[in-house]
């Protein structure tokens, strides 16, 4: 066990010494630059911008070419170019410009959807950035908490080892029984195990954190500590924050824009019930018998009308389904707003609860530390037993670890409260 613990301490030292020290802000900037999922959202935003351009270009004229070769014989024989068999052979070419005149509003609505999607993508990017920020903060705090946990176990191990060595000498001098000193030996082994486990967990948290911010796993880094700050929760206007978030929160805006898109898609579905009208100007040439000089070009111009008059109600069913999707979208939006109000209120309650837990934990730590020091002196003077001493030592460690967790949870909860308002 000692060999394992020594190895872990060496690994910890190699990670901390000579490594790059990062602040939380530096870690966030790295994540915004390197995180794969966030980069994919930015690519999606570029695609939406291209979609807007596609929408405008769909209303512009289109130039296309068509041509072909056709051979027709007067007998039940196949004939190709150069055969003596009498046949009718044609080459034809056409250059045509087509301009949409009326398509039930499909083009205009498509452009409107693309513009809404462009705004929607802005909020999606902000949401992705917010989620990434909280993910980085959570990973950062886990590592800091684990570092403090390791320190607690190291201090505890040092003190218990001193008590263990003293008890061992007393046992060798027949001043105490073996049953009196063995609990200390068990305690030392238990703390060593806890320490190794905490160090291993630190390594896991560090690997996960490097993956989030986009650093190589083998790159050594160290995180700078965060100063604990107590926020004045009396300055929070919960009702005002909820009302603000319901109108301006990114999830609120995303939900509204999604509803707007569904409504526009309903219009596109309705356009399938209407005629499609295009203007067409074409320049044609046809070479019969492959002997002409292909200089007999002629133009044609006209209006094309396409209208699905009967398809057993298929288009109408699609339109009705689209209207139902609009109703669903409204319900989803209302539910999201209800959930958002609950989320912000829950975040605030968590802040208040953690604030109280920290105040109680600090007071409890002061009392426990003072009591532990007193009981330690009593143990050294032989007034209390080893079992009683270990009880106070365990209580002190538990309070320290609980307070560390509460403070870091409090920091995260405050950041989450602010992010959910944006």
Protein backbone atom coordinates (compact mmCIF):
# COMPACT_ATOMS: atom_id res chain seq x y z
CA UNK A 1 0.00 0.00 0.00
CA UNK A 2 2.84 2.39 0.83
CA UNK A 3 4.44 1.71 -2.55
CA UNK A 4 1.18 2.45 -4.33
CA UNK A 5 0.70 5.65 -2.35
CA UNK A 6 4.26 6.77 -3.05
CA UNK A 7 3.73 6.18 -6.77
CA UNK A 8 0.57 8.26 -6.73
CA UNK A 9 2.34 11.07 -4.89
CA UNK A 10 5.05 11.07 -7.54
CA UNK A 11 2.40 11.27 -10.25
CA UNK A 12 0.76 14.16 -8.44
CA UNK A 13 4.05 15.97 -8.09
CA UNK A 14 4.83 15.55 -11.79
CA UNK A 15 1.45 17.01 -12.60
CA UNK A 16 1.76 20.01 -10.33
CA UNK A 17 5.43 20.92 -10.64
CA UNK A 18 6.58 22.38 -13.92
CA UNK A 19 3.05 22.43 -15.30
CA UNK A 20 1.11 25.22 -16.93
CA UNK A 21 -1.10 27.13 -14.51
CA UNK A 22 -4.53 28.01 -15.85
CA UNK A 23 -7.16 30.37 -14.52
CA UNK A 24 -10.86 29.72 -15.00
CA UNK A 25 -11.13 32.41 -17.67
CA UNK A 26 -8.17 30.96 -19.57
CA UNK A 27 -9.80 27.53 -19.42
CA UNK A 28 -13.05 28.97 -20.78
CA UNK A 29 -11.27 30.66 -23.69
CA UNK A 30 -9.52 27.38 -24.53
CA UNK A 31 -12.84 25.54 -24.51
CA UNK A 32 -14.47 28.12 -26.80
CA UNK A 33 -11.59 27.69 -29.21
CA UNK A 34 -11.06 23.92 -29.07
CA UNK A 35 -14.24 22.15 -27.94
CA UNK A 36 -15.54 19.96 -30.78
CA UNK A 37 -19.25 20.26 -30.05
CA UNK A 38 -19.08 24.06 -29.79
CA UNK A 39 -17.15 24.26 -33.07
CA UNK A 40 -19.85 22.15 -34.74
CA UNK A 41 -22.52 24.62 -33.62
CA UNK A 42 -20.49 27.45 -35.20
CA UNK A 43 -20.34 25.43 -38.42
CA UNK A 44 -24.13 25.04 -38.25
CA UNK A 45 -24.37 28.82 -38.00
CA UNK A 46 -22.30 29.20 -41.18
CA UNK A 47 -24.61 26.73 -42.92
CA UNK A 48 -27.66 28.75 -41.88
CA UNK A 49 -26.09 31.88 -43.39
CA UNK A 50 -25.64 29.97 -46.64
CA UNK A 51 -29.26 28.83 -46.41
CA UNK A 52 -30.38 32.46 -46.39
CA UNK A 53 -28.42 33.06 -49.61
CA UNK A 54 -29.99 29.94 -51.11
CA UNK A 55 -33.43 31.34 -50.30
CA UNK A 56 -32.79 34.59 -52.16
CA UNK A 57 -31.25 32.79 -55.13
CA UNK A 58 -34.27 30.50 -55.47
CA UNK A 59 -36.26 33.59 -56.55
CA UNK A 60 -33.75 34.45 -59.30
CA UNK A 61 -33.95 33.28 -62.93
CA UNK A 62 -32.37 29.93 -63.78
CA UNK A 63 -30.43 29.13 -66.94
CA UNK A 64 -30.32 25.51 -68.06
CA UNK A 65 -29.30 23.51 -71.10
CA UNK A 66 -30.86 20.36 -72.49
CA UNK A 67 -30.01 18.35 -75.58
CA UNK A 68 -30.16 14.87 -77.04
CA UNK A 69 -29.89 12.54 -79.97
CA UNK A 70 -32.80 10.47 -81.33
CA UNK A 71 -32.77 7.98 -84.21
CA UNK A 72 -36.03 6.54 -85.63
CA UNK A 73 -36.10 3.82 -88.39
CA UNK A 74 -38.86 2.88 -90.81
CA UNK A 75 -38.23 -0.86 -90.48
CA UNK A 76 -37.92 -3.25 -87.61
CA UNK A 77 -34.17 -2.72 -87.56
CA UNK A 78 -31.75 -0.81 -85.46
CA UNK A 79 -29.76 1.92 -87.22
CA UNK A 80 -26.96 4.08 -85.99
CA UNK A 81 -25.07 7.02 -87.38
CA UNK A 82 -23.40 6.03 -90.68
CA UNK A 83 -25.78 3.13 -91.46
CA UNK A 84 -27.32 3.06 -94.95
CA UNK A 85 -30.72 2.02 -93.55
CA UNK A 86 -33.25 4.79 -93.99
CA UNK A 87 -33.87 6.48 -90.66
CA UNK A 88 -34.82 9.76 -89.08
CA UNK A 89 -31.98 11.04 -86.90
CA UNK A 90 -32.12 14.21 -84.83
CA UNK A 91 -29.85 16.28 -82.65
CA UNK A 92 -31.54 18.98 -80.59
CA UNK A 93 -30.34 21.66 -78.22
CA UNK A 94 -32.09 24.11 -75.94
CA UNK A 95 -30.92 26.99 -73.74
CA UNK A 96 -33.71 28.18 -71.47
CA UNK A 97 -34.21 30.87 -68.84
CA UNK A 98 -36.96 30.20 -66.30
CA UNK A 99 -38.27 32.85 -63.92
CA UNK A 100 -40.70 31.92 -61.12
CA UNK A 101 -43.74 34.21 -61.19
CA UNK A 102 -46.05 32.64 -58.63
CA UNK A 103 -45.58 29.55 -56.48
CA UNK A 104 -48.02 30.09 -53.65
CA UNK A 105 -45.49 32.11 -51.63
CA UNK A 106 -43.01 29.24 -51.31
CA UNK A 107 -39.96 31.29 -52.24
CA UNK A 108 -40.80 34.29 -50.04
CA UNK A 109 -41.74 32.05 -47.11
CA UNK A 110 -38.54 30.04 -47.59
CA UNK A 111 -36.52 33.25 -47.33
CA UNK A 112 -38.42 34.23 -44.18
CA UNK A 113 -37.75 30.80 -42.63
CA UNK A 114 -34.06 31.13 -43.47
CA UNK A 115 -33.91 34.54 -41.77
CA UNK A 116 -35.68 33.21 -38.68
CA UNK A 117 -33.32 30.25 -38.66
CA UNK A 118 -30.41 32.68 -38.81
CA UNK A 119 -31.65 34.42 -35.66
CA UNK A 120 -32.45 31.05 -34.09
CA UNK A 121 -28.90 29.87 -34.71
CA UNK A 122 -27.57 32.93 -32.88
CA UNK A 123 -29.45 31.86 -29.76
CA UNK A 124 -28.47 28.22 -30.29
CA UNK A 125 -24.83 29.30 -30.35
CA UNK A 126 -25.34 31.34 -27.18
CA UNK A 127 -26.99 28.34 -25.52
CA UNK A 128 -24.17 26.03 -26.56
CA UNK A 129 -21.62 28.52 -25.23
CA UNK A 130 -23.52 28.80 -21.94
CA UNK A 131 -23.69 25.02 -21.56
CA UNK A 132 -19.99 24.75 -22.34
CA UNK A 133 -19.21 27.45 -19.78
CA UNK A 134 -21.07 25.59 -17.05
CA UNK A 135 -19.41 22.33 -18.09
CA UNK A 136 -15.96 23.93 -17.82
CA UNK A 137 -16.78 25.50 -14.45
CA UNK A 138 -18.10 22.21 -13.11
CA UNK A 139 -14.98 20.34 -14.26
CA UNK A 140 -12.72 23.06 -12.88
CA UNK A 141 -14.44 22.99 -9.48
CA UNK A 142 -14.30 19.18 -9.32
CA UNK A 143 -10.53 19.33 -9.67
CA UNK A 144 -10.17 22.07 -7.05
CA UNK A 145 -12.40 20.12 -4.68
CA UNK A 146 -10.33 16.99 -5.24
CA UNK A 147 -7.10 18.89 -4.53
CA UNK A 148 -8.56 20.09 -1.22
CA UNK A 149 -9.79 16.58 -0.44
CA UNK A 150 -6.28 15.23 -0.98
CA UNK A 151 -4.90 17.89 1.37
CA UNK A 152 -7.40 16.91 4.06
CA UNK A 153 -6.42 13.26 3.80
CA UNK A 154 -2.71 14.11 3.80
CA UNK A 155 -3.03 16.21 6.97
CA UNK A 156 -5.20 13.58 8.60
CA UNK A 157 -2.76 10.82 7.64
CA UNK A 158 0.16 12.77 9.10
CA UNK A 159 -1.58 13.35 12.42
CA UNK A 160 -2.93 9.82 12.75
CA UNK A 161 0.49 8.40 11.92
CA UNK A 162 1.99 10.39 14.80
CA UNK A 163 -0.67 9.05 17.14
CA UNK A 164 -0.11 5.57 15.76
CA UNK A 165 3.65 5.69 16.37
CA UNK A 166 3.06 6.90 19.93
CA UNK A 167 0.56 4.11 20.57
CA UNK A 168 2.90 1.57 19.04
CA UNK A 169 5.70 2.56 21.44
CA UNK A 170 3.29 2.36 24.38
CA UNK A 171 2.24 -1.10 23.25
CA UNK A 172 5.86 -2.20 22.99
CA UNK A 173 6.36 -0.93 26.54
CA UNK A 174 3.26 -2.87 27.65
CA UNK A 175 1.54 0.37 28.64
CA UNK A 176 -1.53 -0.37 26.51
CA UNK A 177 -3.06 -3.52 25.10
CA UNK A 178 -2.95 -4.57 21.47
CA UNK A 179 -6.68 -3.96 21.15
CA UNK A 180 -6.10 -0.34 22.16
CA UNK A 181 -3.50 0.40 19.50
CA UNK A 182 -4.80 -1.67 16.55
CA UNK A 183 -7.66 0.77 15.73
CA UNK A 184 -5.03 3.40 14.95
CA UNK A 185 -3.24 1.02 12.59
CA UNK A 186 -6.54 0.29 10.87
CA UNK A 187 -7.22 4.02 10.65
CA UNK A 188 -3.84 4.67 9.00
CA UNK A 189 -4.50 2.00 6.39
CA UNK A 190 -8.01 3.39 5.79
CA UNK A 191 -6.75 6.96 5.27
CA UNK A 192 -3.99 5.74 2.95
CA UNK A 193 -6.63 3.95 0.89
CA UNK A 194 -8.83 7.05 0.83
CA UNK A 195 -5.86 9.16 -0.22
CA UNK A 196 -4.94 6.87 -3.13
CA UNK A 197 -8.57 6.79 -4.23
CA UNK A 198 -8.76 10.60 -4.09
CA UNK A 199 -5.57 10.93 -6.13
CA UNK A 200 -6.84 8.50 -8.75
CA UNK A 201 -10.12 10.41 -8.94
CA UNK A 202 -8.10 13.61 -9.40
CA UNK A 203 -6.40 12.09 -12.44
CA UNK A 204 -9.76 11.08 -13.91
CA UNK A 205 -11.23 14.55 -13.37
CA UNK A 206 -8.16 16.10 -14.98
CA UNK A 207 -8.43 13.92 -18.09
CA UNK A 208 -12.12 14.76 -18.42
CA UNK A 209 -11.35 18.46 -18.02
CA UNK A 210 -8.63 18.38 -20.68
CA UNK A 211 -11.07 16.74 -23.09
CA UNK A 212 -13.58 19.54 -22.48
CA UNK A 213 -11.14 22.40 -23.09
CA UNK A 214 -9.39 20.57 -25.93
CA UNK A 215 -5.94 19.95 -24.48
CA UNK A 216 -3.84 16.80 -25.05
CA UNK A 217 -4.17 14.33 -22.20
CA UNK A 218 -0.39 14.17 -21.73
CA UNK A 219 -0.04 17.95 -21.28
CA UNK A 220 0.56 18.85 -17.65
CA UNK A 221 -1.58 21.67 -16.27
CA UNK A 222 -2.41 23.05 -12.86
CA UNK A 223 -5.50 25.06 -12.01
CA UNK A 224 -5.35 28.21 -9.98
CA UNK A 225 -7.62 28.32 -6.97
CA UNK A 226 -10.79 30.39 -6.93
CA UNK A 227 -11.33 32.89 -4.17
CA UNK A 228 -14.49 32.09 -2.23
CA UNK A 229 -16.91 34.99 -2.42
CA UNK A 230 -20.14 35.31 -0.51
CA UNK A 231 -22.86 36.89 -2.62
CA UNK A 232 -25.54 39.17 -1.22
CA UNK A 233 -28.64 37.16 -2.08
CA UNK A 234 -30.87 39.95 -0.75
CA UNK A 235 -30.04 41.90 -3.91
CA UNK A 236 -31.69 39.22 -6.07
CA UNK A 237 -35.18 40.14 -7.28
CA UNK A 238 -36.52 36.67 -7.96
CA UNK A 239 -39.86 37.72 -9.48
CA UNK A 240 -38.17 40.33 -11.66
CA UNK A 241 -35.55 37.83 -12.80
CA UNK A 242 -38.20 35.27 -13.72
CA UNK A 243 -40.20 37.83 -15.72
CA UNK A 244 -37.03 38.97 -17.49
CA UNK A 245 -36.01 35.41 -18.34
CA UNK A 246 -39.45 34.50 -19.71
CA UNK A 247 -39.03 37.26 -22.29
CA UNK A 248 -35.28 37.28 -22.95
CA UNK A 249 -33.83 33.94 -21.91
CA UNK A 250 -32.17 32.10 -24.82
CA UNK A 251 -34.43 29.06 -24.36
CA UNK A 252 -37.46 31.34 -24.42
CA UNK A 253 -36.33 32.98 -27.64
CA UNK A 254 -35.43 29.61 -29.20
CA UNK A 255 -38.88 28.27 -28.39
CA UNK A 256 -40.59 31.33 -29.90
CA UNK A 257 -38.48 31.20 -33.06
CA UNK A 258 -39.15 27.49 -33.48
CA UNK A 259 -42.87 28.27 -33.29
CA UNK A 260 -42.46 30.99 -35.92
CA UNK A 261 -40.70 28.51 -38.24
CA UNK A 262 -43.46 25.93 -37.83
CA UNK A 263 -46.04 28.58 -38.71
CA UNK A 264 -44.10 29.49 -41.85
CA UNK A 265 -43.83 25.81 -42.78
CA UNK A 266 -47.62 25.65 -42.56
CA UNK A 267 -47.75 28.31 -45.28
CA UNK A 268 -45.39 26.28 -47.46
CA UNK A 269 -47.62 23.23 -47.02
CA UNK A 270 -50.59 25.34 -48.10
CA UNK A 271 -48.67 26.40 -51.22
CA UNK A 272 -48.86 22.82 -52.50
CA UNK A 273 -52.60 23.39 -52.98
CA UNK A 274 -52.00 26.37 -55.29
CA UNK A 275 -50.76 26.63 -58.91
CA UNK A 276 -47.09 27.10 -59.82
CA UNK A 277 -46.51 29.68 -62.58
CA UNK A 278 -43.19 30.25 -64.34
CA UNK A 279 -42.12 32.43 -67.29
CA UNK A 280 -39.81 30.69 -69.76
CA UNK A 281 -37.66 31.98 -72.59
CA UNK A 282 -35.82 29.35 -74.67
CA UNK A 283 -33.45 29.28 -77.63
CA UNK A 284 -33.63 26.03 -79.60
CA UNK A 285 -31.85 24.31 -82.46
CA UNK A 286 -32.62 21.01 -84.18
CA UNK A 287 -30.59 19.11 -86.80
CA UNK A 288 -32.60 16.51 -88.69
CA UNK A 289 -30.66 13.87 -90.67
CA UNK A 290 -27.33 15.21 -89.28
CA UNK A 291 -26.65 17.16 -92.50
CA UNK A 292 -27.57 20.70 -91.59
CA UNK A 293 -25.13 23.21 -90.28
CA UNK A 294 -26.85 23.55 -86.90
CA UNK A 295 -27.46 27.23 -87.59
CA UNK A 296 -31.25 27.01 -87.57
CA UNK A 297 -31.80 28.39 -84.08
CA UNK A 298 -35.17 29.73 -83.05
CA UNK A 299 -36.60 31.13 -79.82
CA UNK A 300 -39.73 30.36 -77.85
CA UNK A 301 -41.32 32.27 -75.00
CA UNK A 302 -44.31 31.57 -72.83
CA UNK A 303 -45.89 30.90 -69.46
CA UNK A 304 -45.91 27.50 -67.76
CA UNK A 305 -48.68 26.63 -65.29
CA UNK A 306 -48.56 23.52 -63.12
CA UNK A 307 -51.40 22.74 -60.74
CA UNK A 308 -52.15 19.51 -58.95
CA UNK A 309 -55.95 19.36 -59.25
CA UNK A 310 -56.61 15.99 -57.67
CA UNK A 311 -54.44 13.63 -55.59
CA UNK A 312 -57.11 11.97 -53.40
CA UNK A 313 -56.66 14.66 -50.74
CA UNK A 314 -52.98 13.92 -50.11
CA UNK A 315 -51.91 17.59 -50.24
CA UNK A 316 -54.80 18.63 -48.02
CA UNK A 317 -53.88 15.98 -45.46
CA UNK A 318 -50.31 17.28 -45.46
CA UNK A 319 -51.60 20.82 -44.92
CA UNK A 320 -53.82 19.67 -42.02
CA UNK A 321 -50.87 17.84 -40.46
CA UNK A 322 -48.80 21.02 -40.74
CA UNK A 323 -51.52 22.97 -38.89
CA UNK A 324 -51.44 20.36 -36.13
CA UNK A 325 -47.67 20.79 -35.83
CA UNK A 326 -48.24 24.51 -35.29
CA UNK A 327 -50.56 23.74 -32.37
CA UNK A 328 -47.98 21.34 -30.92
CA UNK A 329 -45.30 24.01 -31.19
CA UNK A 330 -47.42 26.45 -29.19
CA UNK A 331 -47.92 23.83 -26.46
CA UNK A 332 -44.18 23.11 -26.35
CA UNK A 333 -43.44 26.81 -26.01
CA UNK A 334 -45.88 27.25 -23.11
CA UNK A 335 -44.46 24.19 -21.32
CA UNK A 336 -40.92 25.48 -21.78
CA UNK A 337 -41.85 28.81 -20.21
CA UNK A 338 -43.47 27.04 -17.26
CA UNK A 339 -40.37 24.87 -16.78
CA UNK A 340 -38.09 27.90 -17.06
CA UNK A 341 -39.87 29.67 -14.22
CA UNK A 342 -39.52 26.56 -12.03
CA UNK A 343 -35.83 26.19 -12.96
CA UNK A 344 -34.93 29.75 -11.97
CA UNK A 345 -36.87 29.47 -8.73
CA UNK A 346 -35.13 26.16 -7.97
CA UNK A 347 -31.73 27.71 -8.70
CA UNK A 348 -32.47 30.48 -6.24
CA UNK A 349 -33.59 28.04 -3.55
CA UNK A 350 -30.38 26.05 -4.06
CA UNK A 351 -28.37 29.25 -3.59
CA UNK A 352 -30.16 30.09 -0.35
CA UNK A 353 -29.78 26.52 0.92
CA UNK A 354 -26.06 26.38 0.10
CA UNK A 355 -25.51 29.81 1.64
CA UNK A 356 -27.03 28.56 4.87
CA UNK A 357 -25.06 25.31 4.66
CA UNK A 358 -21.79 27.27 4.35
CA UNK A 359 -22.58 29.49 7.34
CA UNK A 360 -23.51 26.46 9.42
CA UNK A 361 -20.50 24.51 8.13
CA UNK A 362 -18.03 27.26 9.00
CA UNK A 363 -19.40 27.53 12.51
CA UNK A 364 -19.41 23.75 12.85
CA UNK A 365 -15.82 23.56 11.59
CA UNK A 366 -14.60 26.10 14.15
CA UNK A 367 -16.32 24.20 16.95
CA UNK A 368 -15.15 20.82 15.67
CA UNK A 369 -11.55 21.99 15.24
CA UNK A 370 -11.48 23.38 18.77
CA UNK A 371 -13.06 20.23 20.15
CA UNK A 372 -10.65 18.03 18.19
CA UNK A 373 -7.63 19.92 19.53
CA UNK A 374 -8.99 19.51 23.05
CA UNK A 375 -9.68 15.78 22.63
CA UNK A 376 -6.26 15.29 21.06
CA UNK A 377 -4.61 16.77 24.16
CA UNK A 378 -6.78 14.54 26.34
CA UNK A 379 -5.74 11.52 24.31
CA UNK A 380 -2.07 12.43 24.57
CA UNK A 381 -2.55 12.75 28.34
CA UNK A 382 -4.27 9.38 28.47
CA UNK A 383 -7.63 10.78 29.56
CA UNK A 384 -9.67 9.41 26.62
CA UNK A 385 -9.32 6.22 24.61
CA UNK A 386 -8.05 5.76 21.07
CA UNK A 387 -11.60 5.01 19.92
CA UNK A 388 -12.88 8.35 21.25
CA UNK A 389 -9.98 10.20 19.64
CA UNK A 390 -10.66 8.60 16.25
CA UNK A 391 -14.33 9.57 16.45
CA UNK A 392 -13.42 13.27 16.80
CA UNK A 393 -10.79 13.02 14.08
CA UNK A 394 -13.30 11.48 11.66
CA UNK A 395 -15.91 14.11 12.49
CA UNK A 396 -13.45 16.90 11.78
CA UNK A 397 -12.50 15.45 8.39
CA UNK A 398 -16.12 14.94 7.40
CA UNK A 399 -16.95 18.56 8.24
CA UNK A 400 -13.95 19.83 6.27
CA UNK A 401 -14.89 17.82 3.20
CA UNK A 402 -18.53 18.83 3.45
CA UNK A 403 -17.61 22.53 3.69
CA UNK A 404 -15.31 22.29 0.68
CA UNK A 405 -18.10 20.76 -1.39
CA UNK A 406 -20.67 23.32 -0.21
CA UNK A 407 -18.46 26.29 -1.14
CA UNK A 408 -17.72 25.00 -4.63
CA UNK A 409 -21.34 23.99 -5.17
CA UNK A 410 -22.33 27.50 -4.12
CA UNK A 411 -20.01 29.02 -6.73
CA UNK A 412 -21.45 26.78 -9.45
CA UNK A 413 -25.04 27.41 -8.37
CA UNK A 414 -24.56 31.18 -8.60
CA UNK A 415 -23.05 30.89 -12.09
CA UNK A 416 -25.92 28.64 -13.17
CA UNK A 417 -28.48 31.11 -11.83
CA UNK A 418 -26.92 33.89 -13.90
CA UNK A 419 -26.64 31.75 -17.05
CA UNK A 420 -30.28 30.67 -16.89
CA UNK A 421 -31.32 34.33 -16.91
CA UNK A 422 -29.47 35.05 -20.15
